[in-house]
C-alpha atoms as a PDB file:
ATOM      1  CA  MET A   1     -19.893 -16.245 -28.645  1.00  0.00           C
ATOM      2  CA  LYS A   2     -18.885 -18.045 -31.786  1.00  0.00           C
ATOM      3  CA  PHE A   3     -21.443 -19.524 -34.361  1.00  0.00           C
ATOM      4  CA  GLY A   4     -21.320 -22.805 -36.803  1.00  0.00           C
ATOM      5  CA  LEU A   5     -23.931 -24.299 -39.065  1.00  0.00           C
ATOM      6  CA  HIS A   6     -24.719 -28.310 -38.634  1.00  0.00           C
ATOM      7  CA  ALA A   7     -26.597 -29.624 -41.754  1.00  0.00           C
ATOM      8  CA  GLY A   8     -27.018 -33.110 -42.935  1.00  0.00           C
ATOM      9  CA  THR A   9     -25.045 -34.975 -45.921  1.00  0.00           C
ATOM     10  CA  ARG A  10     -27.848 -35.139 -48.021  1.00  0.00           C
ATOM     11  CA  GLY A  11     -30.754 -32.519 -49.512  1.00  0.00           C
ATOM     12  CA  ALA A  12     -29.201 -29.337 -50.668  1.00  0.00           C
ATOM     13  CA  ALA A  13     -26.204 -30.547 -49.195  1.00  0.00           C
ATOM     14  CA  MET A  14     -25.867 -33.530 -51.048  1.00  0.00           C
ATOM     15  CA  ASP A  15     -25.401 -31.338 -54.300  1.00  0.00           C
ATOM     16  CA  PRO A  16     -21.865 -30.359 -55.102  1.00  0.00           C
ATOM     17  CA  ASP A  17     -22.784 -26.844 -55.998  1.00  0.00           C
ATOM     18  CA  GLY A  18     -25.206 -26.624 -53.085  1.00  0.00           C
ATOM     19  CA  LEU A  19     -22.897 -28.189 -50.120  1.00  0.00           C
ATOM     20  CA  LEU A  20     -20.299 -25.403 -51.618  1.00  0.00           C
ATOM     21  CA  THR A  21     -22.334 -22.563 -51.856  1.00  0.00           C
ATOM     22  CA  ILE A  22     -23.470 -22.949 -48.372  1.00  0.00           C
ATOM     23  CA  ALA A  23     -20.193 -23.477 -47.225  1.00  0.00           C
ATOM     24  CA  ARG A  24     -18.632 -20.393 -49.123  1.00  0.00           C
ATOM     25  CA  ARG A  25     -21.473 -18.434 -47.782  1.00  0.00           C
ATOM     26  CA  ALA A  26     -21.152 -19.387 -43.939  1.00  0.00           C
ATOM     27  CA  GLU A  27     -17.641 -18.297 -44.340  1.00  0.00           C
ATOM     28  CA  GLU A  28     -18.237 -14.967 -45.915  1.00  0.00           C
ATOM     29  CA  LEU A  29     -21.019 -14.280 -43.219  1.00  0.00           C
ATOM     30  CA  GLY A  30     -18.637 -15.000 -40.262  1.00  0.00           C
ATOM     31  CA  TYR A  31     -19.795 -18.529 -39.287  1.00  0.00           C
ATOM     32  CA  THR A  32     -16.759 -20.251 -37.270  1.00  0.00           C
ATOM     33  CA  HIS A  33     -17.739 -23.889 -38.185  1.00  0.00           C
ATOM     34  CA  LEU A  34     -19.692 -25.751 -40.889  1.00  0.00           C
ATOM     35  CA  GLY A  35     -20.893 -29.512 -39.190  1.00  0.00           C
ATOM     36  CA  LEU A  36     -21.896 -32.069 -41.146  1.00  0.00           C
ATOM     37  CA  SER A  37     -23.892 -35.224 -39.468  1.00  0.00           C
ATOM     38  CA  ASP A  38     -22.702 -38.899 -40.227  1.00  0.00           C
ATOM     39  CA  HIS A  39     -24.310 -41.868 -41.801  1.00  0.00           C
ATOM     40  CA  VAL A  40     -22.979 -44.214 -43.825  1.00  0.00           C
ATOM     41  CA  VAL A  41     -25.462 -46.738 -44.974  1.00  0.00           C
ATOM     42  CA  ILE A  42     -29.435 -46.643 -43.817  1.00  0.00           C
ATOM     43  CA  ALA A  43     -31.025 -50.150 -42.393  1.00  0.00           C
ATOM     44  CA  THR A  44     -34.366 -50.883 -44.349  1.00  0.00           C
ATOM     45  CA  ASP A  45     -35.613 -51.790 -41.084  1.00  0.00           C
ATOM     46  CA  VAL A  46     -34.642 -49.649 -38.287  1.00  0.00           C
ATOM     47  CA  ASN A  47     -35.784 -50.615 -34.444  1.00  0.00           C
ATOM     48  CA  SER A  48     -33.410 -48.740 -32.544  1.00  0.00           C
ATOM     49  CA  PRO A  49     -35.323 -45.723 -31.102  1.00  0.00           C
ATOM     50  CA  TYR A  50     -34.315 -42.639 -31.929  1.00  0.00           C
ATOM     51  CA  PRO A  51     -33.055 -40.564 -29.175  1.00  0.00           C
ATOM     52  CA  TYR A  52     -33.790 -36.995 -30.163  1.00  0.00           C
ATOM     53  CA  THR A  53     -38.052 -36.936 -30.629  1.00  0.00           C
ATOM     54  CA  LYS A  54     -40.489 -38.073 -27.957  1.00  0.00           C
ATOM     55  CA  SER A  55     -41.994 -41.119 -30.303  1.00  0.00           C
ATOM     56  CA  GLY A  56     -38.161 -42.596 -30.591  1.00  0.00           C
ATOM     57  CA  LYS A  57     -39.157 -42.814 -34.256  1.00  0.00           C
ATOM     58  CA  TRP A  58     -35.724 -41.352 -36.987  1.00  0.00           C
ATOM     59  CA  PHE A  59     -37.700 -38.730 -39.226  1.00  0.00           C
ATOM     60  CA  ALA A  60     -35.295 -39.645 -42.044  1.00  0.00           C
ATOM     61  CA  HIS A  61     -36.023 -43.298 -42.427  1.00  0.00           C
ATOM     62  CA  ASP A  62     -37.113 -42.572 -45.877  1.00  0.00           C
ATOM     63  CA  THR A  63     -34.201 -43.130 -48.654  1.00  0.00           C
ATOM     64  CA  GLY A  64     -30.743 -44.339 -48.408  1.00  0.00           C
ATOM     65  CA  GLU A  65     -29.213 -40.700 -49.534  1.00  0.00           C
ATOM     66  CA  CYS A  66     -26.517 -39.594 -47.508  1.00  0.00           C
ATOM     67  CA  LEU A  67     -22.704 -38.520 -48.240  1.00  0.00           C
ATOM     68  CA  ASP A  68     -19.462 -39.602 -46.438  1.00  0.00           C
ATOM     69  CA  GLN A  69     -19.304 -37.614 -43.720  1.00  0.00           C
ATOM     70  CA  LEU A  70     -15.192 -37.192 -43.723  1.00  0.00           C
ATOM     71  CA  THR A  71     -15.080 -37.127 -47.535  1.00  0.00           C
ATOM     72  CA  ALA A  72     -17.927 -34.470 -47.648  1.00  0.00           C
ATOM     73  CA  LEU A  73     -15.420 -32.190 -45.381  1.00  0.00           C
ATOM     74  CA  ALA A  74     -12.510 -32.917 -47.365  1.00  0.00           C
ATOM     75  CA  PHE A  75     -14.434 -31.233 -50.507  1.00  0.00           C
ATOM     76  CA  VAL A  76     -15.788 -28.226 -48.405  1.00  0.00           C
ATOM     77  CA  ALA A  77     -11.722 -27.958 -47.681  1.00  0.00           C
ATOM     78  CA  ALA A  78     -10.645 -27.511 -50.414  1.00  0.00           C
ATOM     79  CA  SER A  79     -13.003 -24.285 -51.491  1.00  0.00           C
ATOM     80  CA  THR A  80     -12.577 -22.716 -48.514  1.00  0.00           C
ATOM     81  CA  THR A  81      -9.952 -20.804 -45.810  1.00  0.00           C
ATOM     82  CA  THR A  82     -11.052 -19.992 -42.602  1.00  0.00           C
ATOM     83  CA  LEU A  83     -14.406 -22.004 -42.119  1.00  0.00           C
ATOM     84  CA  ARG A  84     -13.599 -24.779 -38.946  1.00  0.00           C
ATOM     85  CA  LEU A  85     -14.609 -28.400 -40.284  1.00  0.00           C
ATOM     86  CA  LEU A  86     -16.754 -29.842 -37.458  1.00  0.00           C
ATOM     87  CA  THR A  87     -17.782 -33.918 -37.405  1.00  0.00           C
ATOM     88  CA  SER A  88     -21.120 -33.057 -36.105  1.00  0.00           C
ATOM     89  CA  VAL A  89     -21.048 -35.682 -34.827  1.00  0.00           C
ATOM     90  CA  MET A  90     -18.999 -38.600 -36.268  1.00  0.00           C
ATOM     91  CA  VAL A  91     -20.096 -42.067 -35.019  1.00  0.00           C
ATOM     92  CA  LEU A  92     -17.197 -43.307 -33.627  1.00  0.00           C
ATOM     93  CA  PRO A  93     -17.768 -47.206 -34.421  1.00  0.00           C
ATOM     94  CA  HIS A  94     -18.764 -46.966 -38.128  1.00  0.00           C
ATOM     95  CA  ARG A  95     -14.905 -46.644 -39.087  1.00  0.00           C
ATOM     96  CA  PRO A  96     -12.112 -48.456 -37.374  1.00  0.00           C
ATOM     97  CA  VAL A  97      -9.831 -46.803 -35.587  1.00  0.00           C
ATOM     98  CA  VAL A  98      -6.256 -46.598 -37.437  1.00  0.00           C
ATOM     99  CA  LEU A  99      -8.435 -45.484 -40.923  1.00  0.00           C
ATOM    100  CA  THR A 100     -10.656 -43.375 -39.337  1.00  0.00           C
ATOM    101  CA  ALA A 101      -7.140 -41.230 -37.770  1.00  0.00           C
ATOM    102  CA  LYS A 102      -5.730 -41.311 -40.778  1.00  0.00           C
ATOM    103  CA  MET A 103      -9.126 -39.646 -42.494  1.00  0.00           C
ATOM    104  CA  LEU A 104      -9.296 -37.230 -40.169  1.00  0.00           C
ATOM    105  CA  GLY A 105      -5.410 -36.176 -39.813  1.00  0.00           C
ATOM    106  CA  THR A 106      -5.730 -35.705 -43.230  1.00  0.00           C
ATOM    107  CA  ILE A 107      -8.110 -33.386 -43.407  1.00  0.00           C
ATOM    108  CA  ASP A 108      -6.498 -31.344 -41.014  1.00  0.00           C
ATOM    109  CA  HIS A 109      -3.452 -31.590 -42.934  1.00  0.00           C
ATOM    110  CA  LEU A 110      -4.815 -30.190 -46.450  1.00  0.00           C
ATOM    111  CA  SER A 111      -7.016 -27.583 -44.393  1.00  0.00           C
ATOM    112  CA  ARG A 112      -4.216 -26.259 -42.650  1.00  0.00           C
ATOM    113  CA  GLY A 113      -5.228 -27.256 -39.243  1.00  0.00           C
ATOM    114  CA  ARG A 114      -8.818 -26.131 -39.600  1.00  0.00           C
ATOM    115  CA  LEU A 115     -10.787 -29.884 -38.304  1.00  0.00           C
ATOM    116  CA  THR A 116     -12.866 -29.918 -35.080  1.00  0.00           C
ATOM    117  CA  VAL A 117     -13.679 -33.759 -34.143  1.00  0.00           C
ATOM    118  CA  GLY A 118     -17.374 -34.215 -32.938  1.00  0.00           C
ATOM    119  CA  VAL A 119     -17.763 -37.813 -31.905  1.00  0.00           C
ATOM    120  CA  GLY A 120     -20.819 -39.570 -30.726  1.00  0.00           C
ATOM    121  CA  VAL A 121     -21.108 -42.753 -29.996  1.00  0.00           C
ATOM    122  CA  GLY A 122     -24.181 -43.737 -32.389  1.00  0.00           C
ATOM    123  CA  TRP A 123     -27.916 -44.919 -31.866  1.00  0.00           C
ATOM    124  CA  MET A 124     -28.795 -46.775 -34.638  1.00  0.00           C
ATOM    125  CA  GLU A 125     -27.227 -50.538 -33.775  1.00  0.00           C
ATOM    126  CA  GLU A 126     -28.488 -51.594 -37.587  1.00  0.00           C
ATOM    127  CA  GLU A 127     -26.065 -49.129 -39.125  1.00  0.00           C
ATOM    128  CA  ILE A 128     -23.401 -49.355 -36.570  1.00  0.00           C
ATOM    129  CA  MET A 129     -23.651 -53.646 -36.784  1.00  0.00           C
ATOM    130  CA  ALA A 130     -24.021 -53.476 -40.639  1.00  0.00           C
ATOM    131  CA  LEU A 131     -20.537 -51.499 -40.970  1.00  0.00           C
ATOM    132  CA  GLY A 132     -18.610 -54.247 -39.208  1.00  0.00           C
ATOM    133  CA  ALA A 133     -18.163 -52.734 -35.673  1.00  0.00           C
ATOM    134  CA  PRO A 134     -16.852 -54.407 -32.918  1.00  0.00           C
ATOM    135  CA  THR A 135     -19.588 -54.110 -30.161  1.00  0.00           C
ATOM    136  CA  PHE A 136     -22.745 -51.926 -29.849  1.00  0.00           C
ATOM    137  CA  ALA A 137     -23.668 -52.735 -26.408  1.00  0.00           C
ATOM    138  CA  GLY A 138     -20.291 -52.051 -25.517  1.00  0.00           C
ATOM    139  CA  ARG A 139     -19.591 -48.344 -27.568  1.00  0.00           C
ATOM    140  CA  GLY A 140     -19.372 -46.215 -24.420  1.00  0.00           C
ATOM    141  CA  LYS A 141     -15.953 -48.212 -23.653  1.00  0.00           C
ATOM    142  CA  LEU A 142     -15.082 -48.410 -27.480  1.00  0.00           C
ATOM    143  CA  ALA A 143     -15.497 -44.844 -27.959  1.00  0.00           C
ATOM    144  CA  ASP A 144     -13.056 -44.129 -24.417  1.00  0.00           C
ATOM    145  CA  GLU A 145     -10.679 -46.220 -26.422  1.00  0.00           C
ATOM    146  CA  TYR A 146     -11.281 -44.571 -29.888  1.00  0.00           C
ATOM    147  CA  ILE A 147     -10.382 -40.928 -28.633  1.00  0.00           C
ATOM    148  CA  GLU A 148      -7.362 -42.381 -26.471  1.00  0.00           C
ATOM    149  CA  GLY A 149      -6.504 -44.540 -30.218  1.00  0.00           C
ATOM    150  CA  PHE A 150      -6.617 -41.406 -31.935  1.00  0.00           C
ATOM    151  CA  ARG A 151      -4.166 -39.388 -29.522  1.00  0.00           C
ATOM    152  CA  ALA A 152      -1.629 -41.822 -29.544  1.00  0.00           C
ATOM    153  CA  LEU A 153      -1.911 -42.083 -33.386  1.00  0.00           C
ATOM    154  CA  TRP A 154      -1.437 -37.956 -33.611  1.00  0.00           C
ATOM    155  CA  THR A 155       1.386 -37.555 -31.220  1.00  0.00           C
ATOM    156  CA  GLN A 156       3.247 -40.805 -30.635  1.00  0.00           C
ATOM    157  CA  ALA A 157       6.333 -41.797 -32.902  1.00  0.00           C
ATOM    158  CA  ASN A 158       5.907 -45.057 -32.268  1.00  0.00           C
ATOM    159  CA  PRO A 159       2.327 -45.245 -31.977  1.00  0.00           C
ATOM    160  CA  VAL A 160       0.771 -48.346 -29.505  1.00  0.00           C
ATOM    161  CA  TYR A 161      -2.071 -48.621 -27.787  1.00  0.00           C
ATOM    162  CA  GLU A 162      -3.392 -52.086 -26.049  1.00  0.00           C
ATOM    163  CA  GLY A 163      -7.270 -52.014 -24.773  1.00  0.00           C
ATOM    164  CA  GLU A 164     -10.311 -54.102 -25.261  1.00  0.00           C
ATOM    165  CA  TYR A 165     -11.698 -52.992 -28.682  1.00  0.00           C
ATOM    166  CA  VAL A 166      -8.599 -51.025 -30.202  1.00  0.00           C
ATOM    167  CA  ASN A 167      -5.389 -52.580 -30.716  1.00  0.00           C
ATOM    168  CA  PHE A 168      -2.094 -51.446 -32.770  1.00  0.00           C
ATOM    169  CA  SER A 169       1.374 -51.228 -32.726  1.00  0.00           C
ATOM    170  CA  GLY A 170       4.370 -51.527 -34.919  1.00  0.00           C
ATOM    171  CA  ILE A 171       3.087 -48.909 -37.576  1.00  0.00           C
ATOM    172  CA  LEU A 172       4.403 -45.332 -38.467  1.00  0.00           C
ATOM    173  CA  PHE A 173       1.895 -42.981 -38.595  1.00  0.00           C
ATOM    174  CA  GLU A 174       2.892 -39.598 -40.738  1.00  0.00           C
ATOM    175  CA  PRO A 175       2.262 -36.954 -41.032  1.00  0.00           C
ATOM    176  CA  LYS A 176       0.438 -35.827 -37.986  1.00  0.00           C
ATOM    177  CA  PRO A 177      -1.690 -33.449 -37.861  1.00  0.00           C
ATOM    178  CA  THR A 178      -1.418 -29.818 -38.195  1.00  0.00           C
ATOM    179  CA  GLN A 179      -2.915 -28.874 -35.046  1.00  0.00           C
ATOM    180  CA  LYS A 180      -0.590 -29.652 -32.165  1.00  0.00           C
ATOM    181  CA  PRO A 181      -0.736 -31.421 -30.332  1.00  0.00           C
ATOM    182  CA  TYR A 182      -4.087 -32.746 -32.504  1.00  0.00           C
ATOM    183  CA  PRO A 183      -7.059 -31.389 -33.646  1.00  0.00           C
ATOM    184  CA  PRO A 184      -9.695 -30.844 -30.840  1.00  0.00           C
ATOM    185  CA  ILE A 185     -12.351 -33.436 -29.747  1.00  0.00           C
ATOM    186  CA  TRP A 186     -15.902 -32.242 -28.832  1.00  0.00           C
ATOM    187  CA  VAL A 187     -17.694 -35.465 -26.833  1.00  0.00           C
ATOM    188  CA  GLY A 188     -21.180 -35.189 -28.277  1.00  0.00           C
ATOM    189  CA  GLY A 189     -24.134 -36.074 -26.071  1.00  0.00           C
ATOM    190  CA  GLU A 190     -26.552 -34.989 -23.606  1.00  0.00           C
ATOM    191  CA  THR A 191     -26.957 -37.949 -20.785  1.00  0.00           C
ATOM    192  CA  ARG A 192     -24.672 -37.972 -17.822  1.00  0.00           C
ATOM    193  CA  PRO A 193     -22.388 -40.767 -19.503  1.00  0.00           C
ATOM    194  CA  ALA A 194     -21.543 -38.273 -22.363  1.00  0.00           C
ATOM    195  CA  ARG A 195     -21.028 -35.650 -19.679  1.00  0.00           C
ATOM    196  CA  ARG A 196     -18.691 -37.767 -17.977  1.00  0.00           C
ATOM    197  CA  ARG A 197     -16.945 -38.840 -20.733  1.00  0.00           C
ATOM    198  CA  ALA A 198     -16.646 -34.798 -22.054  1.00  0.00           C
ATOM    199  CA  GLY A 199     -15.396 -34.003 -18.489  1.00  0.00           C
ATOM    200  CA  LYS A 200     -12.695 -36.637 -18.462  1.00  0.00           C
ATOM    201  CA  MET A 201     -11.134 -37.129 -22.012  1.00  0.00           C
ATOM    202  CA  GLY A 202     -12.793 -33.968 -24.036  1.00  0.00           C
ATOM    203  CA  ASP A 203     -11.235 -31.102 -25.438  1.00  0.00           C
ATOM    204  CA  GLY A 204     -15.323 -29.828 -25.403  1.00  0.00           C
ATOM    205  CA  TRP A 205     -18.556 -30.510 -24.506  1.00  0.00           C
ATOM    206  CA  TYR A 206     -21.178 -30.639 -27.942  1.00  0.00           C
ATOM    207  CA  PRO A 207     -24.647 -31.748 -26.915  1.00  0.00           C
ATOM    208  CA  VAL A 208     -28.145 -31.278 -28.981  1.00  0.00           C
ATOM    209  CA  ASN A 209     -30.482 -29.404 -26.914  1.00  0.00           C
ATOM    210  CA  ASN A 210     -33.603 -31.448 -28.058  1.00  0.00           C
ATOM    211  CA  ASN A 211     -33.126 -34.886 -26.491  1.00  0.00           C
ATOM    212  CA  PRO A 212     -36.184 -35.676 -24.663  1.00  0.00           C
ATOM    213  CA  ALA A 213     -34.160 -37.561 -22.000  1.00  0.00           C
ATOM    214  CA  ALA A 214     -31.520 -35.141 -20.824  1.00  0.00           C
ATOM    215  CA  PRO A 215     -33.031 -31.784 -22.754  1.00  0.00           C
ATOM    216  CA  TYR A 216     -30.949 -28.476 -22.536  1.00  0.00           C
ATOM    217  CA  ASP A 217     -33.723 -26.393 -24.422  1.00  0.00           C
ATOM    218  CA  THR A 218     -34.084 -23.864 -21.381  1.00  0.00           C
ATOM    219  CA  LEU A 219     -31.304 -21.817 -20.264  1.00  0.00           C
ATOM    220  CA  ASP A 220     -31.577 -23.692 -16.455  1.00  0.00           C
ATOM    221  CA  ARG A 221     -31.021 -27.072 -17.872  1.00  0.00           C
ATOM    222  CA  TYR A 222     -28.272 -26.268 -20.061  1.00  0.00           C
ATOM    223  CA  THR A 223     -26.511 -24.534 -17.685  1.00  0.00           C
ATOM    224  CA  ALA A 224     -27.406 -27.567 -14.749  1.00  0.00           C
ATOM    225  CA  GLY A 225     -25.954 -30.088 -17.395  1.00  0.00           C
ATOM    226  CA  LEU A 226     -22.823 -27.896 -17.946  1.00  0.00           C
ATOM    227  CA  ALA A 227     -22.326 -28.058 -14.274  1.00  0.00           C
ATOM    228  CA  ASP A 228     -22.457 -31.469 -14.131  1.00  0.00           C
ATOM    229  CA  MET A 229     -19.580 -31.942 -16.682  1.00  0.00           C
ATOM    230  CA  ARG A 230     -17.529 -29.551 -15.196  1.00  0.00           C
ATOM    231  CA  ALA A 231     -17.699 -30.982 -12.140  1.00  0.00           C
ATOM    232  CA  GLN A 232     -16.819 -34.683 -13.805  1.00  0.00           C
ATOM    233  CA  ALA A 233     -13.427 -32.836 -15.084  1.00  0.00           C
ATOM    234  CA  GLU A 234     -12.870 -31.519 -11.643  1.00  0.00           C
ATOM    235  CA  ALA A 235     -13.140 -34.653 -10.396  1.00  0.00           C
ATOM    236  CA  VAL A 236     -10.320 -36.286 -12.555  1.00  0.00           C
ATOM    237  CA  GLY A 237      -8.146 -33.009 -11.821  1.00  0.00           C
ATOM    238  CA  ARG A 238      -8.724 -30.984 -15.321  1.00  0.00           C
ATOM    239  CA  ASP A 239      -9.605 -27.945 -15.423  1.00  0.00           C
ATOM    240  CA  PRO A 240     -12.784 -27.294 -16.544  1.00  0.00           C
ATOM    241  CA  ASP A 241     -12.235 -23.537 -18.094  1.00  0.00           C
ATOM    242  CA  LYS A 242      -9.793 -25.334 -20.511  1.00  0.00           C
ATOM    243  CA  ILE A 243     -12.890 -27.271 -21.924  1.00  0.00           C
ATOM    244  CA  GLU A 244     -14.924 -25.636 -24.767  1.00  0.00           C
ATOM    245  CA  THR A 245     -18.729 -25.466 -25.027  1.00  0.00           C
ATOM    246  CA  GLY A 246     -21.160 -26.083 -27.509  1.00  0.00           C
ATOM    247  CA  LEU A 247     -24.972 -26.562 -28.255  1.00  0.00           C
ATOM    248  CA  ILE A 248     -26.324 -27.730 -31.524  1.00  0.00           C
ATOM    249  CA  THR A 249     -29.602 -25.651 -31.413  1.00  0.00           C
ATOM    250  CA  VAL A 250     -32.559 -27.586 -33.296  1.00  0.00           C
ATOM    251  CA  GLY A 251     -35.967 -26.173 -34.065  1.00  0.00           C
ATOM    252  CA  TYR A 252     -34.068 -22.853 -34.243  1.00  0.00           C
ATOM    253  CA  ARG A 253     -36.740 -20.333 -36.051  1.00  0.00           C
ATOM    254  CA  MET A 254     -36.823 -16.510 -36.826  1.00  0.00           C
ATOM    255  CA  GLY A 255     -39.889 -15.419 -37.219  1.00  0.00           C
ATOM    256  CA  GLU A 256     -42.191 -17.341 -35.224  1.00  0.00           C
ATOM    257  CA  ALA A 257     -42.365 -18.550 -31.415  1.00  0.00           C
ATOM    258  CA  ASP A 258     -42.616 -22.241 -30.783  1.00  0.00           C
ATOM    259  CA  GLN A 259     -43.693 -23.270 -27.261  1.00  0.00           C
ATOM    260  CA  LEU A 260     -42.360 -25.585 -24.548  1.00  0.00           C
ATOM    261  CA  ASP A 261     -44.509 -28.303 -22.844  1.00  0.00           C
ATOM    262  CA  ASP A 262     -45.262 -25.350 -20.292  1.00  0.00           C
ATOM    263  CA  GLY A 263     -46.088 -23.055 -22.243  1.00  0.00           C
ATOM    264  CA  SER A 264     -43.649 -20.822 -22.757  1.00  0.00           C
ATOM    265  CA  ARG A 265     -41.581 -19.591 -25.181  1.00  0.00           C
ATOM    266  CA  LYS A 266     -39.005 -21.842 -26.794  1.00  0.00           C
ATOM    267  CA  PRO A 267     -35.301 -20.579 -26.482  1.00  0.00           C
ATOM    268  CA  PHE A 268     -34.142 -19.474 -30.359  1.00  0.00           C
ATOM    269  CA  THR A 269     -37.347 -19.212 -31.605  1.00  0.00           C
ATOM    270  CA  GLY A 270     -39.567 -16.063 -32.048  1.00  0.00           C
ATOM    271  CA  SER A 271     -38.541 -12.140 -33.169  1.00  0.00           C
ATOM    272  CA  ALA A 272     -35.029 -11.433 -33.634  1.00  0.00           C
ATOM    273  CA  ASP A 273     -34.926  -9.401 -30.190  1.00  0.00           C
ATOM    274  CA  ASP A 274     -36.176 -12.374 -28.471  1.00  0.00           C
ATOM    275  CA  ILE A 275     -33.309 -14.527 -30.160  1.00  0.00           C
ATOM    276  CA  LEU A 276     -30.463 -11.939 -29.511  1.00  0.00           C
ATOM    277  CA  ASN A 277     -31.620 -12.198 -25.804  1.00  0.00           C
ATOM    278  CA  ASP A 278     -31.140 -15.947 -25.544  1.00  0.00           C
ATOM    279  CA  VAL A 279     -27.989 -16.021 -27.192  1.00  0.00           C
ATOM    280  CA  GLY A 280     -26.556 -13.397 -25.049  1.00  0.00           C
ATOM    281  CA  ALA A 281     -28.009 -15.336 -22.016  1.00  0.00           C
ATOM    282  CA  PHE A 282     -26.749 -18.819 -22.974  1.00  0.00           C
ATOM    283  CA  ARG A 283     -23.435 -16.948 -23.579  1.00  0.00           C
ATOM    284  CA  ASP A 284     -23.491 -15.655 -20.106  1.00  0.00           C
ATOM    285  CA  GLY A 285     -24.377 -18.732 -19.111  1.00  0.00           C
ATOM    286  CA  GLY A 286     -21.306 -20.485 -20.365  1.00  0.00           C
ATOM    287  CA  LEU A 287     -22.111 -21.596 -23.727  1.00  0.00           C
ATOM    288  CA  GLY A 288     -19.114 -20.936 -26.431  1.00  0.00           C
ATOM    289  CA  HIS A 289     -20.285 -22.309 -29.536  1.00  0.00           C
ATOM    290  CA  MET A 290     -23.601 -22.111 -30.809  1.00  0.00           C
ATOM    291  CA  ILE A 291     -24.139 -24.141 -33.512  1.00  0.00           C
ATOM    292  CA  ILE A 292     -27.342 -23.824 -35.694  1.00  0.00           C
ATOM    293  CA  GLY A 293     -28.935 -26.897 -37.054  1.00  0.00           C
ATOM    294  CA  PHE A 294     -31.103 -26.435 -40.161  1.00  0.00           C
ATOM    295  CA  GLU A 295     -31.640 -29.540 -42.824  1.00  0.00           C
ATOM    296  CA  SER A 296     -33.455 -28.563 -46.199  1.00  0.00           C
ATOM    297  CA  ASP A 297     -34.327 -29.850 -49.914  1.00  0.00           C
ATOM    298  CA  ASP A 298     -33.956 -26.072 -50.901  1.00  0.00           C
ATOM    299  CA  LEU A 299     -30.767 -24.149 -51.266  1.00  0.00           C
ATOM    300  CA  GLN A 300     -32.467 -20.442 -51.523  1.00  0.00           C
ATOM    301  CA  ARG A 301     -34.109 -21.817 -48.040  1.00  0.00           C
ATOM    302  CA  SER A 302     -30.645 -22.414 -46.494  1.00  0.00           C
ATOM    303  CA  LEU A 303     -29.013 -19.348 -47.541  1.00  0.00           C
ATOM    304  CA  ASP A 304     -32.037 -17.398 -46.287  1.00  0.00           C
ATOM    305  CA  THR A 305     -31.813 -18.634 -42.789  1.00  0.00           C
ATOM    306  CA  ILE A 306     -28.355 -18.618 -42.710  1.00  0.00           C
ATOM    307  CA  GLU A 307     -28.290 -14.931 -44.061  1.00  0.00           C
ATOM    308  CA  LYS A 308     -30.977 -13.784 -41.433  1.00  0.00           C
ATOM    309  CA  PHE A 309     -29.105 -14.762 -38.203  1.00  0.00           C
ATOM    310  CA  ALA A 310     -25.980 -13.125 -39.401  1.00  0.00           C
ATOM    311  CA  GLU A 311     -27.840  -9.750 -40.256  1.00  0.00           C
ATOM    312  CA  GLU A 312     -29.789  -9.692 -37.004  1.00  0.00           C
ATOM    313  CA  VAL A 313     -27.453 -11.892 -34.454  1.00  0.00           C
ATOM    314  CA  ILE A 314     -23.962 -11.827 -35.147  1.00  0.00           C
ATOM    315  CA  THR A 315     -23.558  -8.582 -36.663  1.00  0.00           C
ATOM    316  CA  LYS A 316     -25.544  -7.011 -33.691  1.00  0.00           C
ATOM    317  CA  LEU A 317     -23.080  -8.662 -31.197  1.00  0.00           C
ATOM    318  CA  ARG A 318     -19.992  -7.727 -32.955  1.00  0.00           C
END
């Protein structure tokens, strides 16, 4: 199993020195990915339900502070050498397709092939429409066309695409990304449409563990979702073994156990041995990439978190 980090683009990670300190230390400790979240603007009035809390309220609706995800990853690329740069996830309707493909291709080129493109359809209608997206209700179809459009731009000498939301022709698009045939695209999302999209066209499936509508907070729930994603791949003639598997473990906590609704211990919380056993169980269940979700305004607390996990889990598994 490989391990990575998911961080927000505010708090400790918004400071240039803080972001680089986290990235360089993660690389030194053997983490394979650093993922950054994606917000461009924060609407002053948000009525869209947030999918990752039972109340539907978004915890971060307090300030408009957020770095641009892609620019921040390019910044990290210049100061690291092996760390993979993960969009965790990039909200596809936020940016025009050709421009986005160029920005991603540039990051992959300048990082010498270290980009992993995590993608999602987004949840905040107010932000998506403020950025000039062509649709919110149709963002599932738009996401499919974006993924197909990216691949056309990244592989075709004279890229052409004709869709409902994505259209381009008569352009040259160079240089192509360093990774061949293109940077891996991990499809984020927990619900059946996301699993279907991952199975149909993803290079990886990358859900979060705490969506109340489709929780992957136990091994049984995760493996059931994984089995469905794999079935979706087989239904269209794809080899599911070639699709990478990831999971953002929001709520990871070493030293104190949290409880699930049934009173049992929540995986990835508790003692170091508990978490080590959880990692082994999820690995045996098919998880390939565990991405620790953490955000903090305190740089030292962030460093302590990633160093403790590396010491108690990563080094022992090796």
